[in-house]
Protein backbone atom coordinates (compact mmCIF):
# COMPACT_ATOMS: atom_id res chain seq x y z
CA MET A 1 22.48 33.91 21.07
CA ASN A 2 24.06 34.35 17.61
CA LEU A 3 22.31 35.68 14.52
CA SER A 4 21.79 32.24 12.95
CA ALA A 5 20.11 30.96 16.11
CA LEU A 6 17.84 34.01 16.22
CA ARG A 7 16.78 33.38 12.64
CA LEU A 8 15.86 29.79 13.48
CA LEU A 9 13.99 30.66 16.67
CA PRO A 10 10.60 31.26 14.96
CA LEU A 11 10.87 27.89 13.24
CA VAL A 12 11.72 26.13 16.49
CA LEU A 13 8.76 27.73 18.27
CA ALA A 14 6.49 26.84 15.35
CA SER A 15 7.80 23.27 15.50
CA LEU A 16 6.83 22.93 19.15
CA CYS A 17 3.33 24.26 18.51
CA LEU A 18 2.78 22.13 15.43
CA ALA A 19 4.09 18.95 17.07
CA ALA A 20 1.59 19.41 19.87
CA GLY A 21 -1.26 19.76 17.40
CA ALA A 22 -0.03 17.38 14.69
CA ALA A 23 -2.71 14.81 15.44
CA ASP A 24 -5.38 17.44 14.71
CA TYR A 25 -4.01 18.37 11.28
CA PHE A 26 -5.50 16.93 8.10
CA PRO A 27 -4.56 18.33 4.68
CA PRO A 28 -7.26 19.80 2.43
CA PRO A 29 -7.48 18.56 -1.18
CA ASP A 30 -4.66 19.72 -3.42
CA SER A 31 -7.06 22.02 -5.27
CA ALA A 32 -7.77 23.75 -1.95
CA GLY A 33 -4.16 24.21 -0.88
CA GLY A 34 -3.01 20.68 -0.15
CA TRP A 35 -0.34 19.57 2.28
CA ARG A 36 1.55 22.03 4.45
CA MET A 37 5.18 21.88 3.39
CA ALA A 38 8.68 22.24 4.71
CA THR A 39 10.41 23.72 1.69
CA ASN A 40 14.09 23.67 2.68
CA ALA A 41 16.52 21.81 4.92
CA ALA A 42 16.12 24.23 7.83
CA GLN A 43 12.32 23.90 7.80
CA ALA A 44 12.54 20.12 7.46
CA ARG A 45 14.67 20.04 10.60
CA ALA A 46 12.71 22.60 12.61
CA LEU A 47 9.14 21.70 11.63
CA ALA A 48 9.42 17.98 11.05
CA GLY A 49 12.61 16.91 12.82
CA MET A 50 14.10 15.50 9.62
CA ASP A 51 17.66 15.55 8.29
CA ALA A 52 17.55 16.53 4.61
CA ALA A 53 20.83 14.75 3.81
CA TRP A 54 19.38 11.35 4.79
CA LEU A 55 16.20 12.08 2.83
CA ASP A 56 18.34 12.78 -0.21
CA ARG A 57 20.10 9.43 0.24
CA ALA A 58 16.73 7.72 0.28
CA TYR A 59 15.71 9.50 -2.91
CA GLN A 60 18.95 8.44 -4.62
CA VAL A 61 18.10 4.80 -3.90
CA CYS A 62 14.77 5.34 -5.67
CA GLU A 63 16.41 7.06 -8.62
CA ARG A 64 18.95 4.26 -9.09
CA GLY A 65 16.46 1.46 -8.77
CA THR A 66 13.48 2.09 -11.06
CA GLN A 67 12.86 3.49 -14.52
CA ASN A 68 10.34 6.07 -13.32
CA GLY A 69 9.44 7.08 -9.81
CA GLY A 70 9.79 9.45 -6.93
CA LEU A 71 9.70 9.78 -3.17
CA LEU A 72 7.33 11.68 -0.87
CA VAL A 73 7.74 11.93 2.91
CA VAL A 74 5.31 13.35 5.48
CA ARG A 75 6.24 13.81 9.12
CA ARG A 76 4.20 15.65 11.74
CA GLY A 77 1.79 16.51 8.96
CA HIS A 78 4.46 18.32 6.91
CA LEU A 79 5.40 17.26 3.41
CA VAL A 80 9.18 17.40 3.78
CA LEU A 81 10.21 15.71 0.52
CA GLU A 82 8.51 15.50 -2.86
CA LYS A 83 10.72 14.61 -5.82
CA TYR A 84 10.03 12.73 -9.05
CA PHE A 85 11.90 11.42 -12.06
CA GLY A 86 11.00 10.01 -15.46
CA ARG A 87 7.26 9.89 -16.20
CA ALA A 88 6.24 10.27 -12.56
CA SER A 89 4.74 13.50 -11.23
CA ARG A 90 2.33 14.64 -8.52
CA ASN A 91 -0.79 14.32 -10.69
CA ALA A 92 0.15 11.20 -12.62
CA ASN A 93 -2.12 8.18 -12.19
CA PRO A 94 0.27 5.23 -12.60
CA ASP A 95 -0.70 1.62 -12.10
CA MET A 96 0.40 1.07 -8.49
CA ALA A 97 0.21 -2.70 -9.04
CA SER A 98 -0.02 -4.72 -5.81
CA THR A 99 0.19 -1.63 -3.62
CA GLY A 100 -3.54 -1.54 -4.39
CA LYS A 101 -4.03 -4.68 -2.29
CA ALA A 102 -3.74 -2.42 0.77
CA PHE A 103 -6.80 -0.48 -0.39
CA THR A 104 -8.78 -3.72 -0.72
CA SER A 105 -7.86 -4.71 2.81
CA ILE A 106 -8.75 -1.35 4.35
CA ALA A 107 -12.05 -1.33 2.44
CA CYS A 108 -12.79 -4.74 3.95
CA GLY A 109 -12.02 -3.37 7.39
CA VAL A 110 -14.52 -0.57 6.84
CA MET A 111 -17.08 -3.09 5.56
CA LEU A 112 -16.72 -5.34 8.60
CA ASN A 113 -17.56 -2.41 10.86
CA GLU A 114 -20.35 -0.91 8.77
CA PHE A 115 -22.08 -4.19 7.92
CA ARG A 116 -21.30 -6.19 11.05
CA ASP A 117 -24.90 -7.44 11.15
CA LYS A 118 -24.42 -9.08 7.74
CA ILE A 119 -21.05 -10.59 8.57
CA PRO A 120 -21.03 -10.91 12.37
CA GLN A 121 -18.09 -13.32 12.55
CA GLY A 122 -15.85 -10.76 10.87
CA LEU A 123 -12.47 -12.05 9.76
CA ASP A 124 -13.34 -15.51 11.10
CA THR A 125 -16.15 -15.85 8.55
CA LYS A 126 -15.86 -18.84 6.24
CA VAL A 127 -16.82 -17.19 2.98
CA PHE A 128 -17.22 -19.99 0.43
CA THR A 129 -20.97 -20.14 0.99
CA GLU A 130 -24.15 -19.22 -0.85
CA LYS A 131 -24.37 -15.97 1.13
CA PHE A 132 -20.89 -14.61 0.43
CA LEU A 133 -19.63 -16.34 -2.73
CA PRO A 134 -22.55 -17.91 -4.59
CA GLU A 135 -20.59 -17.90 -7.86
CA ALA A 136 -18.07 -20.30 -6.29
CA LEU A 137 -20.63 -23.08 -5.85
CA PRO A 138 -20.52 -25.99 -6.25
CA LEU A 139 -17.01 -26.12 -4.82
CA ASP A 140 -14.45 -27.71 -7.12
CA ASP A 141 -12.16 -28.32 -4.13
CA PRO A 142 -13.76 -29.19 -0.76
CA ARG A 143 -10.87 -27.52 1.09
CA ARG A 144 -12.23 -24.11 0.05
CA ALA A 145 -15.11 -24.54 2.51
CA ASP A 146 -12.66 -23.90 5.38
CA ILE A 147 -11.24 -20.63 4.03
CA SER A 148 -11.92 -17.57 6.18
CA LEU A 149 -11.90 -13.93 5.14
CA GLY A 150 -8.92 -13.32 7.42
CA GLN A 151 -6.94 -16.04 5.66
CA LEU A 152 -7.72 -14.54 2.26
CA LEU A 153 -6.44 -11.16 3.44
CA CYS A 154 -3.32 -12.70 5.01
CA MET A 155 -2.42 -14.88 1.98
CA SER A 156 -2.78 -18.01 4.09
CA ALA A 157 -5.92 -19.41 2.45
CA GLY A 158 -3.95 -22.16 0.73
CA TYR A 159 -3.98 -20.58 -2.73
CA ASN A 160 -1.00 -21.36 -4.92
CA GLY A 161 1.63 -18.64 -5.23
CA GLU A 162 2.18 -16.84 -8.51
CA GLY A 163 4.97 -16.63 -11.05
CA GLN A 164 7.20 -19.21 -12.66
CA THR A 165 8.91 -20.20 -9.41
CA PRO A 166 6.30 -19.76 -6.67
CA SER A 167 7.10 -20.54 -3.09
CA ALA A 168 5.40 -20.71 0.27
CA ILE A 169 6.40 -20.15 3.89
CA VAL A 170 5.42 -22.59 6.60
CA MET A 171 6.30 -21.41 10.11
CA GLY A 172 9.20 -19.37 8.81
CA ARG A 173 10.61 -21.99 6.44
CA SER A 174 10.49 -21.61 2.65
CA VAL A 175 8.76 -24.31 0.62
CA PRO A 176 9.00 -24.47 -3.20
CA LEU A 177 5.74 -24.80 -5.11
CA THR A 178 4.82 -25.89 -8.61
CA ALA A 179 3.72 -23.13 -10.98
CA LYS A 180 -0.04 -23.09 -11.58
CA PRO A 181 -2.34 -20.81 -13.60
CA GLY A 182 -3.33 -17.65 -11.73
CA GLN A 183 -5.69 -14.82 -12.58
CA ASN A 184 -7.08 -14.39 -16.08
CA ILE A 185 -8.23 -10.77 -16.52
CA ARG A 186 -10.84 -11.86 -19.08
CA ASP A 187 -12.52 -14.04 -16.45
CA LEU A 188 -11.21 -12.43 -13.29
CA ASP A 189 -13.76 -13.69 -10.77
CA GLN A 190 -13.88 -17.34 -11.80
CA SER A 191 -10.15 -17.65 -12.46
CA SER A 192 -9.49 -16.31 -8.97
CA LEU A 193 -12.07 -18.52 -7.28
CA LYS A 194 -10.80 -21.64 -9.05
CA CYS A 195 -7.09 -20.98 -8.58
CA ALA A 196 -5.35 -24.15 -7.39
CA MET A 197 -4.77 -24.72 -3.67
CA TRP A 198 -1.39 -26.03 -2.56
CA THR A 199 -2.42 -26.77 1.03
CA ASN A 200 -5.34 -26.61 3.44
CA ALA A 201 -6.60 -23.23 4.61
CA GLY A 202 -4.14 -21.88 7.16
CA GLY A 203 -1.45 -24.42 6.25
CA GLY A 204 1.07 -21.82 5.08
CA TYR A 205 1.62 -18.44 3.47
CA SER A 206 1.99 -17.97 -0.28
CA TYR A 207 1.68 -14.66 -2.09
CA SER A 208 -1.31 -15.20 -4.36
CA SER A 209 -3.23 -12.36 -6.01
CA PRO A 210 -6.50 -14.31 -6.37
CA ALA A 211 -6.95 -14.27 -2.58
CA PRO A 212 -7.51 -10.50 -2.07
CA HIS A 213 -9.63 -10.38 -5.21
CA ILE A 214 -11.90 -13.03 -3.68
CA ALA A 215 -12.12 -10.81 -0.59
CA SER A 216 -13.29 -7.98 -2.87
CA ILE A 217 -16.02 -10.24 -4.29
CA VAL A 218 -17.20 -10.85 -0.71
CA LEU A 219 -17.25 -7.06 -0.22
CA ARG A 220 -19.36 -6.71 -3.37
CA HIS A 221 -21.98 -9.10 -1.99
CA VAL A 222 -22.01 -7.69 1.54
CA THR A 223 -22.14 -3.99 0.60
CA GLY A 224 -24.02 -4.24 -2.70
CA MET A 225 -21.37 -1.94 -4.22
CA GLU A 226 -18.40 -2.26 -6.52
CA LEU A 227 -15.03 -2.05 -4.76
CA GLN A 228 -14.11 1.20 -6.52
CA ASP A 229 -17.43 2.83 -5.59
CA TYR A 230 -17.14 1.70 -1.97
CA ILE A 231 -13.63 3.14 -1.70
CA GLN A 232 -14.80 6.35 -3.36
CA THR A 233 -17.63 6.98 -0.91
CA ARG A 234 -16.02 5.69 2.31
CA LEU A 235 -12.41 6.81 1.81
CA ALA A 236 -11.63 8.90 -1.27
CA LYS A 237 -14.34 11.53 -0.95
CA PRO A 238 -13.92 12.16 2.81
CA MET A 239 -10.13 12.46 2.41
CA GLY A 240 -10.36 14.74 -0.62
CA TRP A 241 -8.71 12.55 -3.24
CA GLU A 242 -8.92 14.04 -6.67
CA SER A 243 -8.75 12.19 -10.00
CA TRP A 244 -8.22 8.48 -9.33
CA GLY A 245 -9.39 5.06 -10.45
CA TYR A 246 -8.52 1.44 -11.19
CA CYS A 247 -6.66 0.21 -14.25
CA LEU A 248 -9.61 -1.58 -15.82
CA GLN A 249 -8.69 -1.25 -19.50
CA ARG A 250 -6.30 -3.90 -20.77
CA GLY A 251 -5.83 -3.63 -24.49
CA ASP A 252 -9.17 -4.25 -26.18
CA PHE A 253 -10.76 -5.59 -22.98
CA LYS A 254 -12.27 -3.66 -20.07
CA MET A 255 -12.64 -5.57 -16.82
CA PRO A 256 -16.20 -5.42 -15.42
CA HIS A 257 -14.93 -5.28 -11.83
CA ALA A 258 -11.92 -3.72 -10.15
CA ASN A 259 -9.23 -6.24 -9.32
CA GLY A 260 -8.99 -6.56 -5.55
CA ALA A 261 -5.41 -7.68 -6.19
CA GLY A 262 -4.37 -4.14 -7.04
CA SER A 263 -3.85 -1.66 -9.88
CA THR A 264 -5.17 1.41 -8.11
CA ALA A 265 -4.09 4.68 -9.72
CA LEU A 266 -3.90 7.69 -7.38
CA HIS A 267 -2.15 11.03 -7.38
CA ALA A 268 0.99 10.74 -5.26
CA THR A 269 -0.23 13.21 -2.64
CA ASP A 270 -3.51 11.28 -2.34
CA ALA A 271 -1.65 8.03 -1.74
CA LEU A 272 -0.06 9.95 1.14
CA ARG A 273 -3.52 10.92 2.40
CA PHE A 274 -4.50 7.26 2.51
CA GLY A 275 -1.36 6.40 4.48
CA TYR A 276 -1.86 9.42 6.74
CA CYS A 277 -5.36 8.22 7.61
CA LEU A 278 -3.85 4.90 8.71
CA LEU A 279 -1.21 6.79 10.68
CA ARG A 280 -3.97 8.71 12.45
CA LYS A 281 -5.64 5.41 13.45
CA GLY A 282 -8.34 5.70 10.80
CA GLN A 283 -9.46 9.23 11.66
CA TRP A 284 -9.94 12.08 9.24
CA ASN A 285 -11.16 15.50 10.29
CA GLY A 286 -13.07 14.20 13.28
CA LYS A 287 -14.56 11.20 11.49
CA GLN A 288 -13.55 7.58 12.08
CA LEU A 289 -13.23 6.34 8.50
CA VAL A 290 -11.41 3.08 9.30
CA PRO A 291 -11.74 1.09 12.53
CA ALA A 292 -8.64 1.69 14.66
CA ASP A 293 -8.53 -1.94 15.79
CA TYR A 294 -8.40 -3.12 12.18
CA ILE A 295 -5.39 -0.89 11.48
CA GLU A 296 -3.74 -2.27 14.62
CA LYS A 297 -4.11 -5.76 13.16
CA CYS A 298 -2.37 -4.59 9.97
CA HIS A 299 0.92 -4.09 11.79
CA SER A 300 0.73 -6.89 14.31
CA PRO A 301 1.37 -10.64 14.07
CA SER A 302 -1.85 -12.26 12.91
CA PRO A 303 -3.58 -15.44 14.06
CA TYR A 304 -4.55 -15.89 10.40
CA ASN A 305 -0.89 -16.02 9.38
CA PRO A 306 1.51 -17.39 12.00
CA HIS A 307 3.99 -18.23 9.23
CA CYS A 308 5.56 -14.86 8.38
CA PRO A 309 5.22 -11.09 9.04
CA PHE A 310 2.37 -10.39 6.62
CA SER A 311 -0.98 -9.32 8.02
CA LEU A 312 -4.11 -8.15 6.19
CA GLN A 313 -2.14 -7.32 3.01
CA PHE A 314 0.64 -5.43 4.80
CA GLU A 315 4.17 -6.54 5.50
CA HIS A 316 4.86 -5.58 9.09
CA ASN A 317 8.09 -5.24 11.03
CA ALA A 318 6.96 -6.65 14.37
CA ASP A 319 9.81 -9.17 14.24
CA GLY A 320 12.40 -6.50 13.40
CA HIS A 321 13.46 -8.00 10.06
CA VAL A 322 13.93 -4.49 8.63
CA LEU A 323 16.77 -3.66 10.98
CA GLY A 324 16.80 0.10 10.54
CA ALA A 325 13.06 0.64 11.07
CA PRO A 326 10.84 0.62 14.18
CA ARG A 327 8.90 -2.56 14.87
CA ASP A 328 5.54 -0.85 14.32
CA ALA A 329 6.37 0.01 10.68
CA PHE A 330 4.08 -1.55 8.08
CA PHE A 331 3.96 -1.21 4.32
CA LYS A 332 2.64 -2.57 1.03
CA SER A 333 4.71 -2.76 -2.10
CA GLY A 334 3.80 -3.27 -5.74
CA ALA A 335 5.49 -4.38 -8.96
CA GLY A 336 7.76 -1.77 -10.49
CA GLY A 337 9.03 -0.45 -7.17
CA PHE A 338 5.93 1.16 -5.63
CA CYS A 339 5.52 1.12 -1.86
CA LEU A 340 3.44 2.90 0.75
CA TYR A 341 4.89 2.90 4.29
CA VAL A 342 3.44 3.93 7.65
CA VAL A 343 5.53 4.25 10.83
CA PRO A 344 3.26 5.26 13.74
CA SER A 345 5.97 5.65 16.38
CA LEU A 346 7.79 8.18 14.18
CA ASP A 347 4.63 9.98 12.98
CA LEU A 348 5.79 9.15 9.47
CA VAL A 349 4.26 8.30 6.08
CA ILE A 350 6.37 7.53 3.02
CA TYR A 351 5.27 6.93 -0.55
CA LYS A 352 7.79 5.51 -3.01
CA LEU A 353 6.77 5.64 -6.66
CA GLY A 354 8.29 3.37 -9.27
CA GLY A 355 7.03 1.87 -12.47
CA LYS A 356 7.96 0.99 -16.01
CA ASP A 357 6.78 3.15 -18.90
CA ASN A 358 3.67 1.04 -19.48
CA GLN A 359 2.50 1.66 -15.90
CA TYR A 360 2.07 5.34 -16.84
CA ASP A 361 -0.16 4.66 -19.85
CA HIS A 362 -3.31 6.80 -19.51
CA ALA A 363 -5.29 4.16 -21.46
CA LEU A 364 -5.20 1.87 -18.40
CA THR A 365 -7.58 4.14 -16.50
CA GLY A 366 -8.97 6.51 -19.10
CA LEU A 367 -8.03 9.35 -16.75
CA PRO A 368 -6.20 12.36 -18.16
CA GLN A 369 -2.47 12.29 -17.42
CA PRO A 370 -0.22 15.34 -17.06
CA GLU A 371 2.54 15.93 -19.56
CA GLN A 372 5.23 13.32 -19.05
CA SER A 373 8.99 13.54 -19.22
CA HIS A 374 10.55 10.96 -21.53
CA ASP A 375 14.15 11.37 -20.42
CA ARG A 376 14.13 7.90 -18.80
CA ASP A 377 12.27 6.00 -21.53
CA ASN A 378 13.87 2.58 -22.02
CA TRP A 379 16.14 3.18 -19.00
CA GLN A 380 17.46 0.14 -17.15
CA PRO A 381 19.16 -0.09 -13.74
CA ILE A 382 22.95 -0.40 -13.87
CA PRO A 383 23.95 -3.99 -13.08
CA ARG A 384 25.84 -4.19 -9.80
CA THR A 385 28.14 -6.78 -8.32
CA GLY A 386 28.27 -7.65 -4.64
CA PHE A 387 26.08 -5.56 -2.37
CA ASN A 388 23.48 -3.36 -4.03
CA GLU A 389 20.77 -1.12 -2.64
CA GLY A 390 18.02 -3.46 -3.78
CA SER A 391 19.43 -6.68 -2.39
CA LEU A 392 17.26 -6.46 0.72
CA ALA A 393 13.94 -6.35 -1.12
CA GLY A 394 13.58 -7.62 -4.65
CA GLY A 395 15.98 -5.34 -6.45
CA ASP A 396 14.32 -1.95 -5.98
CA GLY A 397 15.49 -0.92 -2.52
CA LEU A 398 12.17 -1.03 -0.67
CA TRP A 399 13.61 -1.81 2.74
CA ARG A 400 16.61 0.47 2.21
CA VAL A 401 14.39 3.47 1.47
CA LEU A 402 12.46 2.85 4.68
CA GLU A 403 15.68 2.57 6.68
CA TYR A 404 17.17 5.74 5.23
CA VAL A 405 14.04 7.81 5.83
CA CYS A 406 13.83 6.50 9.40
CA ALA A 407 17.51 7.45 9.83
CA ALA A 408 16.56 11.01 8.83
CA VAL A 409 14.45 11.41 11.96
CA ARG A 410 16.26 13.58 14.47
CA ASP A 411 13.66 14.02 17.25
């Protein structure tokens, strides 16, 4: 055995031991030591089975695609990559935009287990009733009476898609829609409840932010708690999240309720903790925080959405549409290039940060922000012709990052 091999032997032995006990590892809060780390290419290979060169390629995609951002990768419980650029940093609390929809969904999964006596039909529950949504009555559209909680969380409740050119998917085929008013942050509940329907409940998929917010209103009534408080007590505190919140302040107006459609603001390493809990089938330090069967539904084809691979607020890869990723991968993205990925078969969690400058404004949350770098202020991606790294997923490389990190796995 040569000298180089002898030097690596302790790392190889440690890797074998740690792999065997990876499922038992849960990181303490950052203030108490945080994630165990692989700090160089040799450790990344020996402890986590990751090729640093492919991780660097993934990071370059992030750096080319968004104004601010970063990339964090955890495998076998080791933080093997943590790099930031622009205003992003470990303790920043940026507006994660629609990535926050994943938190709403998981909170609903916890609720369905904890309060099953109040909502015994679970995801099948038709929620536009006096018990679950009294503020929606009388119904302005009789079709709302058929909407189930599962359809709200799978974007198949019939609510009109958002943006200037909304579309829908019906059994895999795209259908153009007419633009309609969406959420109004000054009247968030009612504007969500009254958002126009383009079809009957279950008739197709259309990405519509009012739907998960309505699910969060149901949670409010069932639990008697605000969404943020429920997440704090059932998820954040047990996992050891530190400073976090929702982006409630919008100019001169503060929203009275968190938007179930997103805008969570977590430290990057705490977003990883959330994903790691999902990777560990809802367990954290011997406690079952999230029902394992609910997480299974998040990365499986759903009876509530037979139209496309989107289940309970997560895009899933069960059909293999992300060619370079395993079929059990699931993830939730957000405007500005944010995305949280979980790949159970590879024991892998990835958090991609993005965001424009305004998504790093501390006034959104009122939480203190660390000192920010302004070297990327007003930065714009370089226009590309032909193939570009973002062409697979909305211009910011979401699928490509997942594929490159998966390609880094060596054992």
